[in-house]
Amino acid sequence: METERASPRFSDIDRWEPDDILDALIESQMAAVASVRTALPAIRQAAAAMQTQLAGTGRLIYVGAGTSGRLAVQDGAELIPTFNWPPERLLLLMAGGKDALLRSAEGAEDQIDEAARLIRQHCVEAADVIIAVAASGTTPFTLTCMREAKRRGAFTIGIANNRSTPLLIDADCPILLETGPEPIAGSTRMKAGTAQRVALNLLSTLVMIRLGRVHEGLMVDVQAVNAKLVGRSQNILRRLSGRSEYELRDALERAGGNVKKAMLILHGCTPDKAAALLQEAGGHLRIALQLAGCSEAEIPTVHADIASAVPYKTEEK
């Protein structure tokens, strides 16, 4: 198992000068990020499958233990304020429960009976997607959760840092992040953890974009739960519409703070009509505006103060 193997390069790291240690560690971190590039085809495949599942009523389920579990839970939790992902469609399963998020609970990763019980308790089914993360690819809690979810018909994604391990073999969509030995042997919070964090970020962000929760590079589904995010909602609407402050505030108030609904209201829709159009459009603002009768020239784009970017292109089938 490569993540457990001691690297000869770092065998005397405790004798090095601090600057040399830091140079070697940052180099290893860059290598970890680079390792994700070879996994991009698998990440793209996983995102496509997730889009199909989550466009309906399916839930997004993250599973892990230790460092891998904390990284998985973090990625999932951030989807709610960033993309307004419904909390009732998000399930975060951490070996050892919430307490393990703040302190080590190493023994919890062996609790296979608890893992199977959690999947049954939460009635995981075919509409759901489960993302199971384990550097070793063998963690009993994580592996059992994924296998039980798969047995119940859920679509399973396995993310691991060792080749040909059970988590990758048994997953519907395996994602291998081949980071190799750690600077400190077995400390997978380092290279393996960095690669996992990047891969999870790429995967969830791509899915949210494909589900219509981003428009013109802006998080148009942002959940305005504090003053900062209320201001961000107003700025997004201002950049897309160019309307006056009064019009922005009025539209957002009528839309209950929802930027997409506010855009449709600014184009003449009632709040109820805006909601209906967005539902018909599967949450995609551009499609909803077309359904509202806007011409291509009227579809909102970011004003010239924001640099243009290469548009996302879907693969041809």
Protein backbone atom coordinates (compact mmCIF):
# COMPACT_ATOMS: atom_id res chain seq x y z
CA MET A 1 0.00 0.00 0.00
CA GLU A 2 1.80 3.07 -1.31
CA THR A 3 0.32 5.56 1.17
CA GLU A 4 1.81 3.52 4.04
CA ARG A 5 5.24 2.98 2.49
CA ALA A 6 8.17 4.99 3.87
CA SER A 7 9.88 7.17 1.27
CA PRO A 8 13.71 6.99 1.23
CA ARG A 9 13.78 10.64 0.21
CA PHE A 10 12.39 11.74 3.56
CA SER A 11 14.13 9.19 5.77
CA ASP A 12 16.21 11.82 7.56
CA ILE A 13 13.78 14.76 7.30
CA ASP A 14 14.05 15.34 11.06
CA ARG A 15 17.71 16.37 10.52
CA TRP A 16 17.00 18.93 7.80
CA GLU A 17 16.99 22.69 8.17
CA PRO A 18 13.47 24.19 8.46
CA ASP A 19 13.68 25.84 5.03
CA ASP A 20 14.62 22.54 3.42
CA ILE A 21 11.71 20.79 5.15
CA LEU A 22 9.27 23.42 3.96
CA ASP A 23 10.61 23.31 0.39
CA ALA A 24 10.21 19.53 0.29
CA LEU A 25 6.73 19.65 1.80
CA ILE A 26 5.42 22.26 -0.62
CA GLU A 27 6.91 20.25 -3.46
CA SER A 28 5.02 17.17 -2.24
CA GLN A 29 1.82 19.20 -2.01
CA MET A 30 2.19 20.37 -5.61
CA ALA A 31 2.76 16.78 -6.68
CA ALA A 32 -0.45 15.79 -4.88
CA VAL A 33 -2.43 18.42 -6.77
CA ALA A 34 -0.86 17.31 -10.05
CA SER A 35 -1.89 13.71 -9.37
CA VAL A 36 -5.55 14.73 -9.69
CA ARG A 37 -5.08 15.56 -13.37
CA THR A 38 -4.80 11.89 -14.32
CA ALA A 39 -8.12 11.31 -12.55
CA LEU A 40 -10.01 13.97 -14.54
CA PRO A 41 -11.67 11.47 -16.94
CA ALA A 42 -13.03 9.51 -13.97
CA ILE A 43 -14.18 12.73 -12.25
CA ARG A 44 -15.95 13.81 -15.45
CA GLN A 45 -17.66 10.43 -15.72
CA ALA A 46 -18.74 10.55 -12.08
CA ALA A 47 -20.13 14.08 -12.49
CA ALA A 48 -22.21 13.06 -15.51
CA ALA A 49 -23.76 10.16 -13.60
CA MET A 50 -24.37 12.37 -10.56
CA GLN A 51 -26.10 14.97 -12.70
CA THR A 52 -28.56 12.37 -13.96
CA GLN A 53 -29.28 11.10 -10.44
CA LEU A 54 -29.47 14.47 -8.71
CA ALA A 55 -31.60 16.15 -11.37
CA GLY A 56 -34.43 14.19 -9.82
CA THR A 57 -35.06 13.70 -6.12
CA GLY A 58 -31.89 11.80 -5.22
CA ARG A 59 -29.75 12.63 -2.22
CA LEU A 60 -26.02 13.29 -2.17
CA ILE A 61 -24.30 11.17 0.49
CA TYR A 62 -20.71 11.61 1.66
CA VAL A 63 -19.01 8.84 3.65
CA GLY A 64 -15.60 8.59 5.30
CA ALA A 65 -13.51 8.13 8.42
CA GLY A 66 -10.66 10.15 9.92
CA THR A 67 -9.05 12.75 7.66
CA SER A 68 -10.87 11.45 4.57
CA GLY A 69 -14.20 11.68 6.36
CA ARG A 70 -13.59 15.21 7.59
CA LEU A 71 -12.66 16.33 4.08
CA ALA A 72 -15.75 14.65 2.63
CA VAL A 73 -18.05 16.21 5.23
CA GLN A 74 -16.53 19.64 4.62
CA ASP A 75 -17.13 19.41 0.89
CA GLY A 76 -20.73 18.39 1.40
CA ALA A 77 -21.50 20.98 4.06
CA GLU A 78 -20.26 23.82 1.84
CA LEU A 79 -22.76 22.97 -0.91
CA ILE A 80 -25.64 24.38 1.14
CA PRO A 81 -24.55 28.05 1.45
CA THR A 82 -22.65 28.14 -1.86
CA PHE A 83 -25.16 26.49 -4.18
CA ASN A 84 -28.28 26.37 -1.99
CA TRP A 85 -28.25 22.58 -2.15
CA PRO A 86 -31.29 21.37 -0.14
CA PRO A 87 -30.20 20.17 3.32
CA GLU A 88 -32.79 17.38 3.20
CA ARG A 89 -31.00 16.00 0.13
CA LEU A 90 -27.59 15.91 1.79
CA LEU A 91 -26.40 13.13 4.09
CA LEU A 92 -23.00 13.23 5.80
CA LEU A 93 -21.87 9.94 7.36
CA MET A 94 -18.72 10.16 9.46
CA ALA A 95 -17.28 7.20 11.33
CA GLY A 96 -17.69 8.07 15.00
CA GLY A 97 -20.38 10.66 14.32
CA LYS A 98 -20.15 14.42 14.89
CA ASP A 99 -17.64 14.09 17.73
CA ALA A 100 -15.12 12.61 15.28
CA LEU A 101 -15.12 15.86 13.32
CA LEU A 102 -13.28 17.58 16.16
CA ARG A 103 -11.23 14.80 17.72
CA SER A 104 -9.72 11.55 16.56
CA ALA A 105 -11.93 8.45 16.78
CA GLU A 106 -9.68 5.93 15.07
CA GLY A 107 -11.53 2.86 16.39
CA ALA A 108 -14.75 4.04 14.74
CA GLU A 109 -13.44 3.19 11.28
CA ASP A 110 -13.75 -0.53 12.07
CA GLN A 111 -17.45 -0.39 13.00
CA ILE A 112 -18.97 -2.25 10.06
CA ASP A 113 -22.24 -3.06 11.85
CA GLU A 114 -22.78 0.65 12.56
CA ALA A 115 -22.02 1.47 8.92
CA ALA A 116 -24.64 -0.95 7.60
CA ARG A 117 -27.15 0.26 10.20
CA LEU A 118 -26.73 3.91 9.14
CA ILE A 119 -27.39 3.12 5.50
CA ARG A 120 -30.54 1.20 6.43
CA GLN A 121 -31.64 3.84 8.94
CA HIS A 122 -31.47 6.60 6.33
CA CYS A 123 -33.30 4.46 3.76
CA VAL A 124 -30.66 4.86 1.07
CA GLU A 125 -32.17 3.94 -2.29
CA ALA A 126 -31.61 3.84 -6.04
CA ALA A 127 -32.15 7.60 -6.53
CA ASP A 128 -29.21 8.44 -4.26
CA VAL A 129 -25.51 9.03 -4.95
CA ILE A 130 -22.86 8.04 -2.42
CA ILE A 131 -19.29 9.38 -2.44
CA ALA A 132 -17.04 7.17 -0.32
CA VAL A 133 -13.55 8.47 0.47
CA ALA A 134 -10.66 6.51 2.00
CA ALA A 135 -6.96 7.01 1.35
CA SER A 136 -6.24 3.33 1.94
CA GLY A 137 -9.22 2.15 -0.06
CA THR A 138 -9.85 -0.48 2.61
CA THR A 139 -11.42 1.39 5.57
CA PRO A 140 -14.10 -1.01 6.91
CA PHE A 141 -16.69 1.66 7.87
CA THR A 142 -16.43 3.46 4.52
CA LEU A 143 -16.33 0.28 2.48
CA THR A 144 -19.36 -1.20 4.25
CA CYS A 145 -21.39 1.99 3.78
CA MET A 146 -20.63 1.99 0.07
CA ARG A 147 -21.32 -1.72 -0.42
CA GLU A 148 -24.61 -1.57 1.49
CA ALA A 149 -25.70 1.52 -0.46
CA LYS A 150 -24.82 -0.20 -3.73
CA ARG A 151 -26.77 -3.29 -2.67
CA ARG A 152 -29.78 -1.02 -2.21
CA GLY A 153 -29.35 0.41 -5.74
CA ALA A 154 -27.56 3.71 -5.06
CA PHE A 155 -24.91 4.97 -7.50
CA THR A 156 -21.53 4.65 -5.82
CA ILE A 157 -18.34 6.68 -6.28
CA GLY A 158 -15.15 5.52 -4.58
CA ILE A 159 -12.18 7.84 -4.04
CA ALA A 160 -8.92 6.24 -2.85
CA ASN A 161 -5.17 6.80 -3.07
CA ASN A 162 -4.06 3.19 -3.59
CA ARG A 163 -4.49 1.20 -6.76
CA SER A 164 -6.66 -1.96 -6.96
CA THR A 165 -8.16 -1.60 -3.49
CA PRO A 166 -11.69 -2.81 -2.56
CA LEU A 167 -13.21 0.69 -2.52
CA LEU A 168 -12.16 1.23 -6.15
CA ILE A 169 -12.98 -2.29 -7.29
CA ASP A 170 -16.50 -2.26 -5.85
CA ALA A 171 -17.51 1.31 -6.77
CA ASP A 172 -19.66 2.01 -9.81
CA CYS A 173 -17.27 4.85 -10.60
CA PRO A 174 -13.75 4.56 -9.10
CA ILE A 175 -11.50 7.61 -8.80
CA LEU A 176 -7.85 6.79 -8.15
CA LEU A 177 -5.64 9.58 -6.78
CA GLU A 178 -2.19 8.04 -6.95
CA THR A 179 -0.21 10.23 -4.56
CA GLY A 180 2.36 7.63 -3.48
CA PRO A 181 4.30 7.61 -0.19
CA GLU A 182 3.88 10.48 2.25
CA PRO A 183 6.74 12.69 3.51
CA ILE A 184 5.84 11.29 6.92
CA ALA A 185 5.01 7.65 6.30
CA GLY A 186 1.31 6.90 6.67
CA SER A 187 0.27 10.49 7.41
CA THR A 188 -2.41 10.67 4.76
CA ARG A 189 -3.58 14.09 5.96
CA MET A 190 -0.73 15.37 3.78
CA LYS A 191 -0.47 14.39 0.10
CA ALA A 192 -3.43 12.01 0.03
CA GLY A 193 -5.63 14.50 1.87
CA THR A 194 -4.67 17.35 -0.43
CA ALA A 195 -5.51 15.33 -3.54
CA GLN A 196 -8.82 14.25 -2.01
CA ARG A 197 -9.75 17.83 -1.21
CA VAL A 198 -9.01 18.95 -4.76
CA ALA A 199 -10.86 16.02 -6.34
CA LEU A 200 -13.94 16.50 -4.15
CA ASN A 201 -13.96 20.22 -4.93
CA LEU A 202 -13.72 19.59 -8.67
CA LEU A 203 -16.39 16.90 -8.63
CA SER A 204 -19.01 18.76 -6.61
CA THR A 205 -18.41 22.07 -8.39
CA LEU A 206 -18.74 20.48 -11.84
CA VAL A 207 -21.98 18.80 -10.79
CA MET A 208 -23.43 22.05 -9.43
CA ILE A 209 -22.53 23.88 -12.65
CA ARG A 210 -24.19 21.18 -14.75
CA LEU A 211 -27.29 21.34 -12.55
CA GLY A 212 -27.68 25.04 -13.37
CA ARG A 213 -26.54 26.45 -10.03
CA VAL A 214 -23.95 28.71 -11.71
CA HIS A 215 -24.64 31.34 -14.38
CA GLU A 216 -21.92 33.32 -16.11
CA GLY A 217 -19.44 32.23 -13.45
CA LEU A 218 -21.66 33.54 -10.64
CA MET A 219 -23.24 31.52 -7.82
CA VAL A 220 -26.83 32.44 -8.68
CA ASP A 221 -28.20 29.91 -6.17
CA VAL A 222 -26.27 31.42 -3.25
CA GLN A 223 -28.18 31.13 0.01
CA ALA A 224 -28.25 34.57 1.62
CA VAL A 225 -27.99 33.48 5.26
CA ASN A 226 -25.90 36.42 6.51
CA ALA A 227 -25.19 40.06 5.68
CA LYS A 228 -22.19 39.19 3.50
CA LEU A 229 -24.21 36.79 1.36
CA VAL A 230 -27.14 39.19 1.11
CA GLY A 231 -24.69 41.72 -0.31
CA ARG A 232 -23.29 39.08 -2.66
CA SER A 233 -26.80 38.33 -3.95
CA GLN A 234 -27.34 42.01 -4.68
CA ASN A 235 -23.98 42.28 -6.43
CA ILE A 236 -24.71 39.23 -8.59
CA LEU A 237 -28.08 40.63 -9.62
CA ARG A 238 -26.53 44.03 -10.30
CA ARG A 239 -23.83 42.51 -12.51
CA LEU A 240 -26.35 40.50 -14.49
CA SER A 241 -29.07 43.11 -14.83
CA GLY A 242 -27.48 46.56 -14.57
CA ARG A 243 -30.70 47.75 -12.90
CA SER A 244 -31.04 50.44 -10.24
CA GLU A 245 -30.58 49.73 -6.55
CA TYR A 246 -34.30 50.21 -5.96
CA GLU A 247 -35.20 47.68 -8.67
CA LEU A 248 -32.66 45.18 -7.32
CA ARG A 249 -33.93 45.39 -3.74
CA ASP A 250 -37.56 45.20 -4.83
CA ALA A 251 -36.99 42.17 -7.08
CA LEU A 252 -34.97 40.31 -4.43
CA GLU A 253 -37.58 41.04 -1.78
CA ARG A 254 -40.38 39.76 -4.02
CA ALA A 255 -38.26 36.71 -4.85
CA GLY A 256 -37.55 35.90 -1.21
CA GLY A 257 -33.84 36.51 -1.79
CA ASN A 258 -33.61 34.07 -4.71
CA VAL A 259 -31.38 35.60 -7.40
CA LYS A 260 -32.79 33.50 -10.26
CA LYS A 261 -36.37 34.38 -9.42
CA ALA A 262 -35.37 38.02 -9.04
CA MET A 263 -33.87 38.01 -12.57
CA LEU A 264 -37.11 36.65 -13.99
CA ILE A 265 -39.13 39.21 -12.01
CA LEU A 266 -36.97 41.96 -13.50
CA HIS A 267 -37.98 40.58 -16.90
CA GLY A 268 -41.69 40.90 -16.14
CA CYS A 269 -42.57 37.63 -14.38
CA THR A 270 -44.60 37.32 -11.22
CA PRO A 271 -42.91 35.41 -8.35
CA ASP A 272 -45.16 32.38 -8.96
CA LYS A 273 -44.48 32.46 -12.71
CA ALA A 274 -40.74 32.75 -12.06
CA ALA A 275 -40.82 29.71 -9.78
CA ALA A 276 -42.79 27.70 -12.35
CA LEU A 277 -40.41 28.61 -15.18
CA LEU A 278 -37.36 27.66 -13.13
CA GLN A 279 -38.92 24.31 -12.27
CA GLU A 280 -39.70 23.70 -15.94
CA ALA A 281 -36.14 24.67 -16.86
CA GLY A 282 -34.62 22.29 -14.33
CA GLY A 283 -33.14 25.22 -12.42
CA HIS A 284 -31.20 26.67 -15.38
CA LEU A 285 -31.63 30.45 -15.47
CA ARG A 286 -30.74 30.77 -19.16
CA ILE A 287 -33.41 28.25 -20.17
CA ALA A 288 -35.99 29.84 -17.86
CA LEU A 289 -35.41 33.24 -19.45
CA GLN A 290 -35.88 31.71 -22.89
CA LEU A 291 -39.14 30.16 -21.71
CA ALA A 292 -40.16 33.62 -20.44
CA GLY A 293 -39.82 34.90 -23.99
CA CYS A 294 -36.47 36.65 -23.74
CA SER A 295 -34.45 36.79 -26.92
CA GLU A 296 -30.82 35.63 -26.94
CA ALA A 297 -29.72 39.26 -26.78
CA GLU A 298 -31.77 39.76 -23.62
CA ILE A 299 -30.32 36.77 -21.77
CA PRO A 300 -28.24 38.29 -18.96
CA THR A 301 -24.48 38.14 -19.18
CA VAL A 302 -21.92 39.63 -16.86
CA HIS A 303 -21.22 43.27 -17.60
CA ALA A 304 -17.96 44.31 -19.20
CA ASP A 305 -16.24 44.95 -15.86
CA ILE A 306 -15.77 41.18 -15.53
CA ALA A 307 -13.26 39.48 -17.80
CA SER A 308 -14.72 37.01 -20.28
CA ALA A 309 -14.03 33.33 -19.75
CA VAL A 310 -14.06 30.23 -21.92
CA PRO A 311 -17.57 28.76 -21.66
CA TYR A 312 -18.12 25.28 -20.31
CA LYS A 313 -18.77 22.84 -23.14
CA THR A 314 -20.66 19.62 -22.62
CA GLU A 315 -19.38 16.49 -24.33
CA GLU A 316 -21.08 15.38 -27.50
CA LYS A 317 -22.91 12.11 -27.09
